[in-house]
PDB file of N, CA and C in Angstrom:
ATOM      1  N   MET A   1       0.330   0.877  20.067  1.00  0.00           N
ATOM      2  CA  MET A   1      -0.286  -0.375  19.698  1.00  0.00           C
ATOM      3  C   MET A   1      -0.399  -0.439  18.170  1.00  0.00           C
ATOM      4  N   THR A   2      -0.371  -1.665  17.670  1.00  0.00           N
ATOM      5  CA  THR A   2      -0.449  -1.872  16.232  1.00  0.00           C
ATOM      6  C   THR A   2      -1.427  -2.987  15.888  1.00  0.00           C
ATOM      7  N   VAL A   3      -1.765  -3.048  14.604  1.00  0.00           N
ATOM      8  CA  VAL A   3      -2.640  -4.090  14.072  1.00  0.00           C
ATOM      9  C   VAL A   3      -1.859  -4.850  13.015  1.00  0.00           C
ATOM     10  N   ASN A   4      -1.968  -6.165  13.027  1.00  0.00           N
ATOM     11  CA  ASN A   4      -1.355  -7.002  11.999  1.00  0.00           C
ATOM     12  C   ASN A   4      -2.436  -7.483  11.038  1.00  0.00           C
ATOM     13  N   ALA A   5      -2.283  -7.119   9.769  1.00  0.00           N
ATOM     14  CA  ALA A   5      -3.179  -7.609   8.718  1.00  0.00           C
ATOM     15  C   ALA A   5      -2.441  -8.729   7.991  1.00  0.00           C
ATOM     16  N   VAL A   6      -2.948  -9.939   8.110  1.00  0.00           N
ATOM     17  CA  VAL A   6      -2.331 -11.112   7.499  1.00  0.00           C
ATOM     18  C   VAL A   6      -2.930 -11.301   6.110  1.00  0.00           C
ATOM     19  N   ILE A   7      -2.060 -11.443   5.106  1.00  0.00           N
ATOM     20  CA  ILE A   7      -2.501 -11.566   3.714  1.00  0.00           C
ATOM     21  C   ILE A   7      -1.965 -12.865   3.137  1.00  0.00           C
ATOM     22  N   TRP A   8      -2.852 -13.636   2.481  1.00  0.00           N
ATOM     23  CA  TRP A   8      -2.457 -14.896   1.849  1.00  0.00           C
ATOM     24  C   TRP A   8      -3.453 -15.231   0.748  1.00  0.00           C
ATOM     25  N   ARG A   9      -3.153 -16.266  -0.015  1.00  0.00           N
ATOM     26  CA  ARG A   9      -4.059 -16.800  -1.047  1.00  0.00           C
ATOM     27  C   ARG A   9      -4.420 -18.231  -0.657  1.00  0.00           C
ATOM     28  N   TRP A  10      -5.701 -18.586  -0.837  1.00  0.00           N
ATOM     29  CA  TRP A  10      -6.140 -19.957  -0.566  1.00  0.00           C
ATOM     30  C   TRP A  10      -5.672 -20.879  -1.688  1.00  0.00           C
ATOM     31  N   THR A  11      -5.376 -22.132  -1.342  1.00  0.00           N
ATOM     32  CA  THR A  11      -5.123 -23.153  -2.356  1.00  0.00           C
ATOM     33  C   THR A  11      -6.469 -23.541  -2.982  1.00  0.00           C
ATOM     34  N   GLU A  12      -6.425 -24.264  -4.089  1.00  0.00           N
ATOM     35  CA  GLU A  12      -7.660 -24.682  -4.757  1.00  0.00           C
ATOM     36  C   GLU A  12      -8.537 -25.537  -3.844  1.00  0.00           C
ATOM     37  N   ALA A  13      -7.938 -26.324  -2.990  1.00  0.00           N
ATOM     38  CA  ALA A  13      -8.701 -27.186  -2.087  1.00  0.00           C
ATOM     39  C   ALA A  13      -9.471 -26.392  -1.027  1.00  0.00           C
ATOM     40  N   TYR A  14      -9.101 -25.116  -0.818  1.00  0.00           N
ATOM     41  CA  TYR A  14      -9.718 -24.278   0.215  1.00  0.00           C
ATOM     42  C   TYR A  14     -10.336 -23.002  -0.351  1.00  0.00           C
ATOM     43  N   ASP A  15     -10.474 -22.882  -1.669  1.00  0.00           N
ATOM     44  CA  ASP A  15     -10.795 -21.590  -2.271  1.00  0.00           C
ATOM     45  C   ASP A  15     -12.260 -21.165  -2.247  1.00  0.00           C
ATOM     46  N   THR A  16     -13.146 -21.962  -1.665  1.00  0.00           N
ATOM     47  CA  THR A  16     -14.534 -21.530  -1.478  1.00  0.00           C
ATOM     48  C   THR A  16     -14.936 -21.759  -0.024  1.00  0.00           C
ATOM     49  N   SER A  17     -15.934 -21.025   0.403  1.00  0.00           N
ATOM     50  CA  SER A  17     -16.373 -21.176   1.794  1.00  0.00           C
ATOM     51  C   SER A  17     -16.929 -22.573   2.053  1.00  0.00           C
ATOM     52  N   SER A  18     -17.578 -23.186   1.060  1.00  0.00           N
ATOM     53  CA  SER A  18     -18.102 -24.539   1.274  1.00  0.00           C
ATOM     54  C   SER A  18     -16.971 -25.558   1.429  1.00  0.00           C
ATOM     55  N   LYS A  19     -15.899 -25.393   0.678  1.00  0.00           N
ATOM     56  CA  LYS A  19     -14.750 -26.293   0.836  1.00  0.00           C
ATOM     57  C   LYS A  19     -14.132 -26.116   2.226  1.00  0.00           C
ATOM     58  N   ARG A  20     -13.979 -24.871   2.653  1.00  0.00           N
ATOM     59  CA  ARG A  20     -13.394 -24.622   3.976  1.00  0.00           C
ATOM     60  C   ARG A  20     -14.301 -25.150   5.083  1.00  0.00           C
ATOM     61  N   TYR A  21     -15.606 -25.037   4.895  1.00  0.00           N
ATOM     62  CA  TYR A  21     -16.555 -25.556   5.878  1.00  0.00           C
ATOM     63  C   TYR A  21     -16.384 -27.068   6.029  1.00  0.00           C
ATOM     64  N   ARG A  22     -16.306 -27.770   4.883  1.00  0.00           N
ATOM     65  CA  ARG A  22     -16.122 -29.227   4.933  1.00  0.00           C
ATOM     66  C   ARG A  22     -14.793 -29.610   5.568  1.00  0.00           C
ATOM     67  N   LEU A  23     -13.788 -28.759   5.417  1.00  0.00           N
ATOM     68  CA  LEU A  23     -12.464 -29.039   5.975  1.00  0.00           C
ATOM     69  C   LEU A  23     -12.289 -28.450   7.384  1.00  0.00           C
ATOM     70  N   HIS A  24     -13.374 -27.881   7.916  1.00  0.00           N
ATOM     71  CA  HIS A  24     -13.357 -27.295   9.264  1.00  0.00           C
ATOM     72  C   HIS A  24     -12.238 -26.266   9.413  1.00  0.00           C
ATOM     73  N   THR A  25     -12.129 -25.379   8.429  1.00  0.00           N
ATOM     74  CA  THR A  25     -11.067 -24.371   8.417  1.00  0.00           C
ATOM     75  C   THR A  25     -11.675 -22.985   8.295  1.00  0.00           C
ATOM     76  N   LYS A  26     -11.156 -22.061   9.102  1.00  0.00           N
ATOM     77  CA  LYS A  26     -11.575 -20.668   9.061  1.00  0.00           C
ATOM     78  C   LYS A  26     -10.362 -19.793   8.783  1.00  0.00           C
ATOM     79  N   SER A  27     -10.607 -18.579   8.368  1.00  0.00           N
ATOM     80  CA  SER A  27      -9.514 -17.639   8.122  1.00  0.00           C
ATOM     81  C   SER A  27      -8.653 -17.454   9.365  1.00  0.00           C
ATOM     82  N   GLY A  28      -9.279 -17.471  10.521  1.00  0.00           N
ATOM     83  CA  GLY A  28      -8.541 -17.327  11.772  1.00  0.00           C
ATOM     84  C   GLY A  28      -7.528 -18.440  11.988  1.00  0.00           C
ATOM     85  N   ASP A  29      -7.795 -19.620  11.446  1.00  0.00           N
ATOM     86  CA  ASP A  29      -6.846 -20.728  11.564  1.00  0.00           C
ATOM     87  C   ASP A  29      -5.556 -20.414  10.803  1.00  0.00           C
ATOM     88  N   VAL A  30      -5.709 -19.807   9.617  1.00  0.00           N
ATOM     89  CA  VAL A  30      -4.544 -19.425   8.826  1.00  0.00           C
ATOM     90  C   VAL A  30      -3.798 -18.304   9.542  1.00  0.00           C
ATOM     91  N   HIS A  31      -4.532 -17.319  10.015  1.00  0.00           N
ATOM     92  CA  HIS A  31      -3.932 -16.215  10.774  1.00  0.00           C
ATOM     93  C   HIS A  31      -3.098 -16.746  11.932  1.00  0.00           C
ATOM     94  N   ASP A  32      -3.689 -17.635  12.717  1.00  0.00           N
ATOM     95  CA  ASP A  32      -2.997 -18.174  13.890  1.00  0.00           C
ATOM     96  C   ASP A  32      -1.738 -18.938  13.496  1.00  0.00           C
ATOM     97  N   ALA A  33      -1.804 -19.707  12.417  1.00  0.00           N
ATOM     98  CA  ALA A  33      -0.627 -20.458  11.962  1.00  0.00           C
ATOM     99  C   ALA A  33       0.486 -19.506  11.539  1.00  0.00           C
ATOM    100  N   ILE A  34       0.143 -18.490  10.767  1.00  0.00           N
ATOM    101  CA  ILE A  34       1.146 -17.536  10.301  1.00  0.00           C
ATOM    102  C   ILE A  34       1.771 -16.796  11.471  1.00  0.00           C
ATOM    103  N   MET A  35       0.958 -16.344  12.400  1.00  0.00           N
ATOM    104  CA  MET A  35       1.473 -15.599  13.543  1.00  0.00           C
ATOM    105  C   MET A  35       2.324 -16.476  14.462  1.00  0.00           C
ATOM    106  N   ALA A  36       2.138 -17.794  14.370  1.00  0.00           N
ATOM    107  CA  ALA A  36       2.970 -18.730  15.140  1.00  0.00           C
ATOM    108  C   ALA A  36       4.228 -19.117  14.363  1.00  0.00           C
ATOM    109  N   GLY A  37       4.417 -18.512  13.170  1.00  0.00           N
ATOM    110  CA  GLY A  37       5.588 -18.810  12.355  1.00  0.00           C
ATOM    111  C   GLY A  37       5.457 -20.088  11.551  1.00  0.00           C
ATOM    112  N   GLU A  38       4.239 -20.557  11.387  1.00  0.00           N
ATOM    113  CA  GLU A  38       3.991 -21.789  10.644  1.00  0.00           C
ATOM    114  C   GLU A  38       3.309 -21.477   9.316  1.00  0.00           C
ATOM    115  N   THR A  39       3.124 -22.492   8.500  1.00  0.00           N
ATOM    116  CA  THR A  39       2.401 -22.365   7.243  1.00  0.00           C
ATOM    117  C   THR A  39       1.201 -23.299   7.295  1.00  0.00           C
ATOM    118  N   HIS A  40       0.032 -22.752   6.995  1.00  0.00           N
ATOM    119  CA  HIS A  40      -1.198 -23.551   6.978  1.00  0.00           C
ATOM    120  C   HIS A  40      -1.284 -24.289   5.647  1.00  0.00           C
ATOM    121  N   VAL A  41      -1.819 -25.483   5.651  1.00  0.00           N
ATOM    122  CA  VAL A  41      -1.945 -26.295   4.443  1.00  0.00           C
ATOM    123  C   VAL A  41      -2.827 -25.614   3.389  1.00  0.00           C
ATOM    124  N   GLY A  42      -3.678 -24.694   3.797  1.00  0.00           N
ATOM    125  CA  GLY A  42      -4.561 -24.006   2.870  1.00  0.00           C
ATOM    126  C   GLY A  42      -3.958 -22.797   2.170  1.00  0.00           C
ATOM    127  N   GLN A  43      -2.705 -22.489   2.456  1.00  0.00           N
ATOM    128  CA  GLN A  43      -2.051 -21.335   1.840  1.00  0.00           C
ATOM    129  C   GLN A  43      -1.406 -21.704   0.511  1.00  0.00           C
ATOM    130  N   ALA A  44      -1.686 -20.894  -0.509  1.00  0.00           N
ATOM    131  CA  ALA A  44      -1.088 -21.099  -1.831  1.00  0.00           C
ATOM    132  C   ALA A  44       0.068 -20.113  -2.032  1.00  0.00           C
ATOM    133  N   GLU A  45       0.908 -20.434  -2.997  1.00  0.00           N
ATOM    134  CA  GLU A  45       2.020 -19.553  -3.356  1.00  0.00           C
ATOM    135  C   GLU A  45       1.490 -18.290  -4.038  1.00  0.00           C
ATOM    136  N   PHE A  46       2.148 -17.169  -3.809  1.00  0.00           N
ATOM    137  CA  PHE A  46       1.917 -15.928  -4.536  1.00  0.00           C
ATOM    138  C   PHE A  46       3.149 -15.053  -4.345  1.00  0.00           C
ATOM    139  N   ASP A  47       3.263 -14.008  -5.145  1.00  0.00           N
ATOM    140  CA  ASP A  47       4.414 -13.109  -5.040  1.00  0.00           C
ATOM    141  C   ASP A  47       4.054 -11.941  -4.127  1.00  0.00           C
ATOM    142  N   PRO A  48       4.494 -11.960  -2.873  1.00  0.00           N
ATOM    143  CA  PRO A  48       4.115 -10.898  -1.945  1.00  0.00           C
ATOM    144  C   PRO A  48       4.717  -9.546  -2.311  1.00  0.00           C
ATOM    145  N   HIS A  49       5.819  -9.547  -3.047  1.00  0.00           N
ATOM    146  CA  HIS A  49       6.467  -8.286  -3.406  1.00  0.00           C
ATOM    147  C   HIS A  49       5.654  -7.513  -4.449  1.00  0.00           C
ATOM    148  N   VAL A  50       4.952  -8.213  -5.321  1.00  0.00           N
ATOM    149  CA  VAL A  50       4.062  -7.548  -6.273  1.00  0.00           C
ATOM    150  C   VAL A  50       2.919  -6.889  -5.496  1.00  0.00           C
ATOM    151  N   PHE A  51       2.368  -7.606  -4.527  1.00  0.00           N
ATOM    152  CA  PHE A  51       1.300  -7.053  -3.689  1.00  0.00           C
ATOM    153  C   PHE A  51       1.789  -5.820  -2.935  1.00  0.00           C
ATOM    154  N   THR A  52       2.942  -5.904  -2.267  1.00  0.00           N
ATOM    155  CA  THR A  52       3.406  -4.763  -1.483  1.00  0.00           C
ATOM    156  C   THR A  52       3.809  -3.586  -2.374  1.00  0.00           C
ATOM    157  N   SER A  53       4.221  -3.858  -3.598  1.00  0.00           N
ATOM    158  CA  SER A  53       4.503  -2.772  -4.535  1.00  0.00           C
ATOM    159  C   SER A  53       3.217  -2.002  -4.843  1.00  0.00           C
ATOM    160  N   ASP A  54       2.129  -2.719  -5.098  1.00  0.00           N
ATOM    161  CA  ASP A  54       0.837  -2.069  -5.327  1.00  0.00           C
ATOM    162  C   ASP A  54       0.338  -1.372  -4.058  1.00  0.00           C
ATOM    163  N   LEU A  55       0.614  -1.970  -2.914  1.00  0.00           N
ATOM    164  CA  LEU A  55       0.209  -1.364  -1.649  1.00  0.00           C
ATOM    165  C   LEU A  55       0.949  -0.043  -1.430  1.00  0.00           C
ATOM    166  N   THR A  56       2.196   0.032  -1.834  1.00  0.00           N
ATOM    167  CA  THR A  56       2.963   1.276  -1.739  1.00  0.00           C
ATOM    168  C   THR A  56       2.312   2.367  -2.581  1.00  0.00           C
ATOM    169  N   GLN A  57       1.820   2.006  -3.739  1.00  0.00           N
ATOM    170  CA  GLN A  57       1.127   2.991  -4.584  1.00  0.00           C
ATOM    171  C   GLN A  57      -0.157   3.477  -3.919  1.00  0.00           C
ATOM    172  N   GLU A  58      -0.818   2.596  -3.179  1.00  0.00           N
ATOM    173  CA  GLU A  58      -2.085   2.943  -2.518  1.00  0.00           C
ATOM    174  C   GLU A  58      -1.865   3.732  -1.225  1.00  0.00           C
ATOM    175  N   LEU A  59      -0.911   3.296  -0.394  1.00  0.00           N
ATOM    176  CA  LEU A  59      -0.732   3.877   0.941  1.00  0.00           C
ATOM    177  C   LEU A  59       0.456   4.816   1.072  1.00  0.00           C
ATOM    178  N   GLY A  60       1.320   4.823   0.086  1.00  0.00           N
ATOM    179  CA  GLY A  60       2.566   5.573   0.228  1.00  0.00           C
ATOM    180  C   GLY A  60       3.641   4.642   0.748  1.00  0.00           C
ATOM    181  N   PRO A  61       4.830   5.179   0.946  1.00  0.00           N
ATOM    182  CA  PRO A  61       5.950   4.325   1.343  1.00  0.00           C
ATOM    183  C   PRO A  61       5.710   3.622   2.678  1.00  0.00           C
ATOM    184  N   GLY A  62       6.177   2.400   2.736  1.00  0.00           N
ATOM    185  CA  GLY A  62       6.101   1.650   3.976  1.00  0.00           C
ATOM    186  C   GLY A  62       7.445   1.668   4.666  1.00  0.00           C
ATOM    187  N   GLU A  63       7.680   0.632   5.416  1.00  0.00           N
ATOM    188  CA  GLU A  63       8.929   0.471   6.156  1.00  0.00           C
ATOM    189  C   GLU A  63       9.203   1.693   7.017  1.00  0.00           C
ATOM    190  N   LEU A  64      10.414   2.159   7.054  1.00  0.00           N
ATOM    191  CA  LEU A  64      10.778   3.232   7.972  1.00  0.00           C
ATOM    192  C   LEU A  64      10.261   4.598   7.536  1.00  0.00           C
ATOM    193  N   GLU A  65       9.977   4.771   6.237  1.00  0.00           N
ATOM    194  CA  GLU A  65       9.536   6.071   5.737  1.00  0.00           C
ATOM    195  C   GLU A  65       8.054   6.319   5.979  1.00  0.00           C
ATOM    196  N   GLY A  66       7.259   5.281   6.129  1.00  0.00           N
ATOM    197  CA  GLY A  66       5.816   5.444   6.209  1.00  0.00           C
ATOM    198  C   GLY A  66       5.224   4.880   7.472  1.00  0.00           C
ATOM    199  N   GLU A  67       3.892   4.657   7.404  1.00  0.00           N
ATOM    200  CA  GLU A  67       3.162   4.186   8.579  1.00  0.00           C
ATOM    201  C   GLU A  67       2.779   2.721   8.486  1.00  0.00           C
ATOM    202  N   TRP A  68       3.512   1.951   7.730  1.00  0.00           N
ATOM    203  CA  TRP A  68       3.250   0.519   7.681  1.00  0.00           C
ATOM    204  C   TRP A  68       4.539  -0.236   7.411  1.00  0.00           C
ATOM    205  N   VAL A  69       4.549  -1.474   7.853  1.00  0.00           N
ATOM    206  CA  VAL A  69       5.714  -2.342   7.682  1.00  0.00           C
ATOM    207  C   VAL A  69       5.227  -3.689   7.166  1.00  0.00           C
ATOM    208  N   ALA A  70       5.906  -4.221   6.159  1.00  0.00           N
ATOM    209  CA  ALA A  70       5.589  -5.544   5.618  1.00  0.00           C
ATOM    210  C   ALA A  70       6.571  -6.562   6.184  1.00  0.00           C
ATOM    211  N   GLU A  71       6.033  -7.653   6.690  1.00  0.00           N
ATOM    212  CA  GLU A  71       6.844  -8.777   7.161  1.00  0.00           C
ATOM    213  C   GLU A  71       6.507  -9.967   6.267  1.00  0.00           C
ATOM    214  N   TYR A  72       7.530 -10.543   5.661  1.00  0.00           N
ATOM    215  CA  TYR A  72       7.319 -11.626   4.694  1.00  0.00           C
ATOM    216  C   TYR A  72       7.480 -12.977   5.370  1.00  0.00           C
ATOM    217  N   TYR A  73       6.511 -13.849   5.119  1.00  0.00           N
ATOM    218  CA  TYR A  73       6.498 -15.209   5.630  1.00  0.00           C
ATOM    219  C   TYR A  73       6.365 -16.165   4.451  1.00  0.00           C
ATOM    220  N   ASP A  74       6.462 -17.454   4.722  1.00  0.00           N
ATOM    221  CA  ASP A  74       6.254 -18.452   3.682  1.00  0.00           C
ATOM    222  C   ASP A  74       4.793 -18.404   3.242  1.00  0.00           C
ATOM    223  N   ARG A  75       4.546 -18.009   1.998  1.00  0.00           N
ATOM    224  CA  ARG A  75       3.210 -17.933   1.408  1.00  0.00           C
ATOM    225  C   ARG A  75       2.285 -16.938   2.101  1.00  0.00           C
ATOM    226  N   ALA A  76       2.852 -15.878   2.693  1.00  0.00           N
ATOM    227  CA  ALA A  76       2.040 -14.846   3.348  1.00  0.00           C
ATOM    228  C   ALA A  76       2.858 -13.578   3.534  1.00  0.00           C
ATOM    229  N   VAL A  77       2.151 -12.500   3.741  1.00  0.00           N
ATOM    230  CA  VAL A  77       2.769 -11.246   4.140  1.00  0.00           C
ATOM    231  C   VAL A  77       1.895 -10.660   5.238  1.00  0.00           C
ATOM    232  N   VAL A  78       2.536 -10.062   6.239  1.00  0.00           N
ATOM    233  CA  VAL A  78       1.817  -9.419   7.323  1.00  0.00           C
ATOM    234  C   VAL A  78       2.125  -7.925   7.244  1.00  0.00           C
ATOM    235  N   ILE A  79       1.069  -7.134   7.184  1.00  0.00           N
ATOM    236  CA  ILE A  79       1.205  -5.684   7.155  1.00  0.00           C
ATOM    237  C   ILE A  79       0.887  -5.173   8.552  1.00  0.00           C
ATOM    238  N   ASN A  80       1.862  -4.519   9.150  1.00  0.00           N
ATOM    239  CA  ASN A  80       1.723  -3.977  10.492  1.00  0.00           C
ATOM    240  C   ASN A  80       1.443  -2.484  10.368  1.00  0.00           C
ATOM    241  N   ILE A  81       0.324  -2.036  10.958  1.00  0.00           N
ATOM    242  CA  ILE A  81      -0.062  -0.627  10.907  1.00  0.00           C
ATOM    243  C   ILE A  81      -0.434  -0.143  12.303  1.00  0.00           C
ATOM    244  N   PRO A  82      -0.220   1.144  12.596  1.00  0.00           N
ATOM    245  CA  PRO A  82      -0.606   1.679  13.904  1.00  0.00           C
ATOM    246  C   PRO A  82      -2.124   1.666  14.093  1.00  0.00           C
ATOM    247  N   ASN A  83      -2.567   1.447  15.319  1.00  0.00           N
ATOM    248  CA  ASN A  83      -4.001   1.473  15.629  1.00  0.00           C
ATOM    249  C   ASN A  83      -4.648   2.779  15.201  1.00  0.00           C
ATOM    250  N   ALA A  84      -3.925   3.881  15.320  1.00  0.00           N
ATOM    251  CA  ALA A  84      -4.485   5.198  15.026  1.00  0.00           C
ATOM    252  C   ALA A  84      -4.969   5.333  13.584  1.00  0.00           C
ATOM    253  N   VAL A  85      -4.398   4.574  12.663  1.00  0.00           N
ATOM    254  CA  VAL A  85      -4.799   4.669  11.249  1.00  0.00           C
ATOM    255  C   VAL A  85      -5.432   3.381  10.739  1.00  0.00           C
ATOM    256  N   ALA A  86      -5.636   2.408  11.591  1.00  0.00           N
ATOM    257  CA  ALA A  86      -6.115   1.087  11.166  1.00  0.00           C
ATOM    258  C   ALA A  86      -7.471   1.144  10.480  1.00  0.00           C
ATOM    259  N   MET A  87      -8.412   1.883  11.014  1.00  0.00           N
ATOM    260  CA  MET A  87      -9.760   1.910  10.437  1.00  0.00           C
ATOM    261  C   MET A  87      -9.766   2.561   9.053  1.00  0.00           C
ATOM    262  N   GLU A  88      -8.840   3.444   8.793  1.00  0.00           N
ATOM    263  CA  GLU A  88      -8.746   4.076   7.478  1.00  0.00           C
ATOM    264  C   GLU A  88      -7.936   3.217   6.511  1.00  0.00           C
ATOM    265  N   ARG A  89      -6.904   2.546   7.008  1.00  0.00           N
ATOM    266  CA  ARG A  89      -5.988   1.792   6.142  1.00  0.00           C
ATOM    267  C   ARG A  89      -6.474   0.390   5.806  1.00  0.00           C
ATOM    268  N   LEU A  90      -7.147  -0.285   6.708  1.00  0.00           N
ATOM    269  CA  LEU A  90      -7.560  -1.673   6.453  1.00  0.00           C
ATOM    270  C   LEU A  90      -8.454  -1.816   5.219  1.00  0.00           C
ATOM    271  N   PRO A  91      -9.450  -0.961   4.995  1.00  0.00           N
ATOM    272  CA  PRO A  91     -10.232  -1.104   3.756  1.00  0.00           C
ATOM    273  C   PRO A  91      -9.383  -0.901   2.500  1.00  0.00           C
ATOM    274  N   ARG A  92      -8.408  -0.029   2.571  1.00  0.00           N
ATOM    275  CA  ARG A  92      -7.531   0.202   1.425  1.00  0.00           C
ATOM    276  C   ARG A  92      -6.623  -0.998   1.184  1.00  0.00           C
ATOM    277  N   ILE A  93      -6.123  -1.593   2.258  1.00  0.00           N
ATOM    278  CA  ILE A  93      -5.311  -2.813   2.143  1.00  0.00           C
ATOM    279  C   ILE A  93      -6.166  -3.930   1.540  1.00  0.00           C
ATOM    280  N   HIS A  94      -7.396  -4.032   2.004  1.00  0.00           N
ATOM    281  CA  HIS A  94      -8.308  -5.055   1.506  1.00  0.00           C
ATOM    282  C   HIS A  94      -8.568  -4.885   0.007  1.00  0.00           C
ATOM    283  N   ARG A  95      -8.768  -3.652  -0.461  1.00  0.00           N
ATOM    284  CA  ARG A  95      -9.004  -3.409  -1.886  1.00  0.00           C
ATOM    285  C   ARG A  95      -7.819  -3.870  -2.739  1.00  0.00           C
ATOM    286  N   VAL A  96      -6.611  -3.559  -2.286  1.00  0.00           N
ATOM    287  CA  VAL A  96      -5.420  -3.975  -3.037  1.00  0.00           C
ATOM    288  C   VAL A  96      -5.311  -5.497  -3.027  1.00  0.00           C
ATOM    289  N   ALA A  97      -5.557  -6.110  -1.874  1.00  0.00           N
ATOM    290  CA  ALA A  97      -5.481  -7.573  -1.767  1.00  0.00           C
ATOM    291  C   ALA A  97      -6.492  -8.239  -2.699  1.00  0.00           C
ATOM    292  N   LYS A  98      -7.690  -7.725  -2.757  1.00  0.00           N
ATOM    293  CA  LYS A  98      -8.722  -8.320  -3.622  1.00  0.00           C
ATOM    294  C   LYS A  98      -8.323  -8.253  -5.094  1.00  0.00           C
ATOM    295  N   ARG A  99      -7.655  -7.185  -5.495  1.00  0.00           N
ATOM    296  CA  ARG A  99      -7.186  -7.086  -6.883  1.00  0.00           C
ATOM    297  C   ARG A  99      -6.191  -8.199  -7.213  1.00  0.00           C
ATOM    298  N   HIS A 100      -5.539  -8.739  -6.186  1.00  0.00           N
ATOM    299  CA  HIS A 100      -4.563  -9.815  -6.363  1.00  0.00           C
ATOM    300  C   HIS A 100      -5.130 -11.180  -5.965  1.00  0.00           C
ATOM    301  N   SER A 101      -6.445 -11.245  -5.735  1.00  0.00           N
ATOM    302  CA  SER A 101      -7.119 -12.467  -5.286  1.00  0.00           C
ATOM    303  C   SER A 101      -6.533 -13.005  -3.989  1.00  0.00           C
ATOM    304  N   LEU A 102      -6.258 -12.088  -3.073  1.00  0.00           N
ATOM    305  CA  LEU A 102      -5.691 -12.441  -1.776  1.00  0.00           C
ATOM    306  C   LEU A 102      -6.720 -12.200  -0.689  1.00  0.00           C
ATOM    307  N   ASN A 103      -6.491 -12.809   0.455  1.00  0.00           N
ATOM    308  CA  ASN A 103      -7.355 -12.673   1.621  1.00  0.00           C
ATOM    309  C   ASN A 103      -6.663 -11.811   2.661  1.00  0.00           C
ATOM    310  N   VAL A 104      -7.468 -11.111   3.450  1.00  0.00           N
ATOM    311  CA  VAL A 104      -6.947 -10.274   4.540  1.00  0.00           C
ATOM    312  C   VAL A 104      -7.660 -10.677   5.819  1.00  0.00           C
ATOM    313  N   TYR A 105      -6.882 -10.862   6.876  1.00  0.00           N
ATOM    314  CA  TYR A 105      -7.468 -11.153   8.180  1.00  0.00           C
ATOM    315  C   TYR A 105      -6.735 -10.292   9.196  1.00  0.00           C
ATOM    316  N   ALA A 106      -7.465  -9.473   9.909  1.00  0.00           N
ATOM    317  CA  ALA A 106      -6.868  -8.598  10.921  1.00  0.00           C
ATOM    318  C   ALA A 106      -7.697  -8.665  12.184  1.00  0.00           C
ATOM    319  N   VAL A 107      -7.032  -8.632  13.315  1.00  0.00           N
ATOM    320  CA  VAL A 107      -7.701  -8.609  14.612  1.00  0.00           C
ATOM    321  C   VAL A 107      -7.469  -7.237  15.203  1.00  0.00           C
ATOM    322  N   LEU A 108      -8.573  -6.512  15.427  1.00  0.00           N
ATOM    323  CA  LEU A 108      -8.453  -5.158  16.001  1.00  0.00           C
ATOM    324  C   LEU A 108      -8.495  -5.219  17.506  1.00  0.00           C
TER     325      LEU A 108
END
């Protein structure tokens, strides 16, 4: 079993909790759109390769050499990690994402 950590940046129209509240939008809405292969209107552009490069420095190699895989979507990246290491890796993924002003949403 694996966990998908969805990473994205909010647009200016959605960048505070009060704005999202008024727009009736939650992080789970973005997660669901991305996992359905869609793009949520609240997602802003960012360079996912810069993020995953920093993530490699934090977690070690991904893809086939390591314990995580990055899947690139329009205005998002999904990091897939095994359940066995999820509780240790998710806080580290979150720290790297915050340095890039990105959001992380994962369902365990």
